[in-house]
């Protein structure tokens, strides 16, 4: 089975980076490293999850208010800077974020500490995260990523768990509430 184009390009970039770093002086390696970081920031997150585009705080407030989170276990997939889990924890949830990008993970830790929140964030891929304990899952991801996660939700989430998606819709989950103006969609696991 052939790897998709994005993965092949990603591997080529990594190999080029290794070759240039080992065989070049710092004047070439440093600018190439910076360029690689920029490319991977956008391209890598697209293929391994989603590009980071934080939801506006007014939308985050509406997402969290649209479902009851008090005394619930809440996950935010691709939690970015932690804004969803910090707000959910303030409203009484056991809130966990899953973030694969190390810099955003560190930013989340900083913001959680600054907010004196009991939210927690894990450095991991949300495709590998164990969601069996989740009562509510929040996500603001690219459409293709949302579709990839649907089978995981159906397999891992318990009956009655809710999935809250900002902007992009699910195909396989049962829609129970649509806030079209805000582009917030709430699904329940059957």
Protein backbone atom coordinates (compact mmCIF):
# COMPACT_ATOMS: atom_id res chain seq x y z
CA UNK A 1 0.00 0.00 0.00
CA UNK A 2 1.49 3.35 -1.03
CA UNK A 3 1.68 6.20 1.44
CA UNK A 4 -0.46 9.24 0.66
CA UNK A 5 1.33 12.12 -1.04
CA UNK A 6 1.40 14.22 2.14
CA UNK A 7 3.17 11.54 4.15
CA UNK A 8 5.69 10.93 1.36
CA UNK A 9 6.46 14.64 1.13
CA UNK A 10 6.80 14.83 4.90
CA UNK A 11 9.33 11.97 4.86
CA UNK A 12 11.30 13.57 2.01
CA UNK A 13 11.51 16.84 3.96
CA UNK A 14 12.77 15.02 7.06
CA UNK A 15 15.44 13.17 5.06
CA UNK A 16 16.54 16.42 3.37
CA UNK A 17 16.73 18.09 6.75
CA UNK A 18 18.93 15.29 8.11
CA UNK A 19 21.24 15.37 5.07
CA UNK A 20 21.62 19.15 5.05
CA UNK A 21 22.11 19.36 8.81
CA UNK A 22 24.84 16.70 8.84
CA UNK A 23 26.64 17.89 5.69
CA UNK A 24 26.39 21.68 5.99
CA UNK A 25 27.70 24.48 8.06
CA UNK A 26 25.44 26.44 10.40
CA UNK A 27 24.82 29.19 7.84
CA UNK A 28 22.84 26.70 5.72
CA UNK A 29 21.42 24.46 8.44
CA UNK A 30 19.85 27.19 10.58
CA UNK A 31 17.81 28.90 7.79
CA UNK A 32 16.78 25.48 6.47
CA UNK A 33 15.65 24.47 9.98
CA UNK A 34 13.57 27.63 10.26
CA UNK A 35 12.01 27.03 6.83
CA UNK A 36 11.30 23.39 7.74
CA UNK A 37 9.64 24.49 10.99
CA UNK A 38 7.36 26.89 9.12
CA UNK A 39 6.44 24.28 6.49
CA UNK A 40 5.80 21.62 9.14
CA UNK A 41 3.76 24.01 11.26
CA UNK A 42 1.19 24.34 8.49
CA UNK A 43 1.63 21.26 6.35
CA UNK A 44 2.43 18.70 9.03
CA UNK A 45 -0.48 19.58 11.27
CA UNK A 46 -2.82 19.40 8.28
CA UNK A 47 -1.81 15.83 7.52
CA UNK A 48 -1.48 14.66 11.11
CA UNK A 49 -4.53 16.32 12.56
CA UNK A 50 -5.60 19.83 11.84
CA UNK A 51 -4.23 23.30 11.28
CA UNK A 52 -4.41 25.42 14.42
CA UNK A 53 -7.06 28.05 14.10
CA UNK A 54 -8.35 28.89 17.57
CA UNK A 55 -12.08 29.26 17.95
CA UNK A 56 -13.09 32.78 19.04
CA UNK A 57 -13.86 33.00 22.76
CA UNK A 58 -17.50 33.93 22.18
CA UNK A 59 -17.91 30.67 20.21
CA UNK A 60 -16.07 28.71 22.93
CA UNK A 61 -18.45 30.12 25.55
CA UNK A 62 -21.46 29.12 23.41
CA UNK A 63 -20.06 25.62 22.78
CA UNK A 64 -19.45 24.96 26.47
CA UNK A 65 -22.78 26.51 27.51
CA UNK A 66 -24.69 24.46 24.92
CA UNK A 67 -23.97 21.24 26.83
CA UNK A 68 -23.99 20.56 30.54
CA UNK A 69 -20.39 19.98 31.62
CA UNK A 70 -20.68 20.18 35.42
CA UNK A 71 -19.34 16.93 36.94
CA UNK A 72 -18.70 15.54 33.45
CA UNK A 73 -15.47 14.29 31.90
CA UNK A 74 -14.68 16.56 28.97
CA UNK A 75 -12.05 16.20 26.24
CA UNK A 76 -10.96 18.80 23.72
CA UNK A 77 -9.25 17.24 20.71
CA UNK A 78 -6.51 19.44 19.32
CA UNK A 79 -6.82 21.64 22.39
CA UNK A 80 -4.43 24.32 21.15
CA UNK A 81 -3.95 26.97 23.84
CA UNK A 82 -6.38 25.27 26.26
CA UNK A 83 -9.21 27.79 26.06
CA UNK A 84 -11.99 25.15 25.92
CA UNK A 85 -10.67 23.00 28.76
CA UNK A 86 -9.96 26.01 31.00
CA UNK A 87 -13.54 27.26 30.55
CA UNK A 88 -15.02 23.77 30.99
CA UNK A 89 -13.01 23.27 34.20
CA UNK A 90 -14.31 26.63 35.52
CA UNK A 91 -17.83 25.31 34.91
CA UNK A 92 -17.14 22.20 37.00
CA UNK A 93 -15.93 19.66 34.44
CA UNK A 94 -13.00 17.28 34.68
CA UNK A 95 -11.39 18.77 31.60
CA UNK A 96 -8.64 17.20 29.48
CA UNK A 97 -7.00 18.49 26.34
CA UNK A 98 -5.13 16.44 23.76
CA UNK A 99 -2.53 18.34 21.75
CA UNK A 100 0.19 16.96 19.47
CA UNK A 101 2.09 20.19 18.85
CA UNK A 102 4.74 20.67 21.53
CA UNK A 103 4.67 24.49 21.46
CA UNK A 104 0.87 24.61 21.80
CA UNK A 105 1.11 22.00 24.54
CA UNK A 106 3.52 24.27 26.44
CA UNK A 107 1.24 27.24 25.79
CA UNK A 108 -1.67 25.24 27.24
CA UNK A 109 0.32 24.38 30.35
CA UNK A 110 1.20 28.05 30.80
CA UNK A 111 -2.41 29.24 30.36
CA UNK A 112 -3.76 26.52 32.66
CA UNK A 113 -1.29 27.55 35.37
CA UNK A 114 -1.99 31.26 34.82
CA UNK A 115 -5.75 30.62 35.11
CA UNK A 116 -5.16 28.47 38.24
CA UNK A 117 -7.27 25.82 36.54
CA UNK A 118 -7.43 22.12 37.33
CA UNK A 119 -7.67 21.30 33.60
CA UNK A 120 -5.06 18.91 32.24
CA UNK A 121 -3.49 18.62 28.81
CA UNK A 122 -1.73 15.63 27.28
CA UNK A 123 0.94 15.73 24.60
CA UNK A 124 -0.47 13.10 22.25
CA UNK A 125 -2.28 12.52 18.99
CA UNK A 126 -6.03 12.60 19.41
CA UNK A 127 -6.19 9.60 17.08
CA UNK A 128 -4.39 7.63 19.83
CA UNK A 129 -6.15 9.16 22.86
CA UNK A 130 -8.38 6.90 24.95
CA UNK A 131 -11.81 8.53 24.99
CA UNK A 132 -13.75 5.80 26.82
CA UNK A 133 -14.29 7.96 29.93
CA UNK A 134 -15.45 11.05 28.02
CA UNK A 135 -18.95 12.38 28.53
CA UNK A 136 -18.40 15.32 26.17
CA UNK A 137 -15.86 15.75 23.36
CA UNK A 138 -15.18 19.17 21.85
CA UNK A 139 -13.46 19.65 18.52
CA UNK A 140 -12.63 22.41 16.07
CA UNK A 141 -10.87 20.46 13.34
CA UNK A 142 -10.71 20.24 9.56
CA UNK A 143 -13.58 18.42 7.80
CA UNK A 144 -11.48 15.41 6.75
CA UNK A 145 -10.19 15.02 10.30
CA UNK A 146 -13.73 15.12 11.71
CA UNK A 147 -14.74 12.35 9.31
CA UNK A 148 -11.69 10.26 10.28
CA UNK A 149 -12.62 10.54 13.96
CA UNK A 150 -16.24 9.44 13.62
CA UNK A 151 -15.51 5.71 13.71
CA UNK A 152 -13.30 6.25 16.77
CA UNK A 153 -16.17 8.05 18.50
CA UNK A 154 -18.65 5.29 17.68
CA UNK A 155 -16.21 2.65 18.90
CA UNK A 156 -14.87 4.33 22.06
CA UNK A 157 -17.43 6.78 23.40
CA UNK A 158 -20.06 5.50 25.78
CA UNK A 159 -23.75 5.60 24.97
CA UNK A 160 -25.16 9.09 25.48
CA UNK A 161 -21.81 10.87 25.20
CA UNK A 162 -21.96 14.11 23.27
CA UNK A 163 -19.66 15.42 20.56
CA UNK A 164 -19.58 19.17 20.01
CA UNK A 165 -18.11 20.32 16.71
CA UNK A 166 -17.40 23.88 15.69
CA UNK A 167 -17.85 24.66 11.96
CA UNK A 168 -17.54 21.15 10.48
CA UNK A 169 -20.23 18.47 10.62
CA UNK A 170 -20.16 14.74 11.20
CA UNK A 171 -21.73 12.31 8.72
CA UNK A 172 -22.21 9.20 10.86
CA UNK A 173 -23.25 10.64 14.24
CA UNK A 174 -26.78 11.59 15.26
CA UNK A 175 -27.27 15.37 15.26
CA UNK A 176 -29.29 16.46 18.30
CA UNK A 177 -28.79 20.22 18.16
CA UNK A 178 -27.72 22.60 15.43
CA UNK A 179 -26.80 26.20 16.12
CA UNK A 180 -26.39 27.14 12.45
CA UNK A 181 -25.71 30.84 13.00
CA UNK A 182 -22.84 29.99 15.37
CA UNK A 183 -21.81 26.92 13.33
CA UNK A 184 -21.96 24.71 16.42
CA UNK A 185 -23.22 21.15 16.01
CA UNK A 186 -23.99 18.77 18.86
CA UNK A 187 -24.17 15.01 18.39
CA UNK A 188 -25.09 12.16 20.73
CA UNK A 189 -23.61 8.67 20.64
CA UNK A 190 -26.45 6.13 20.28
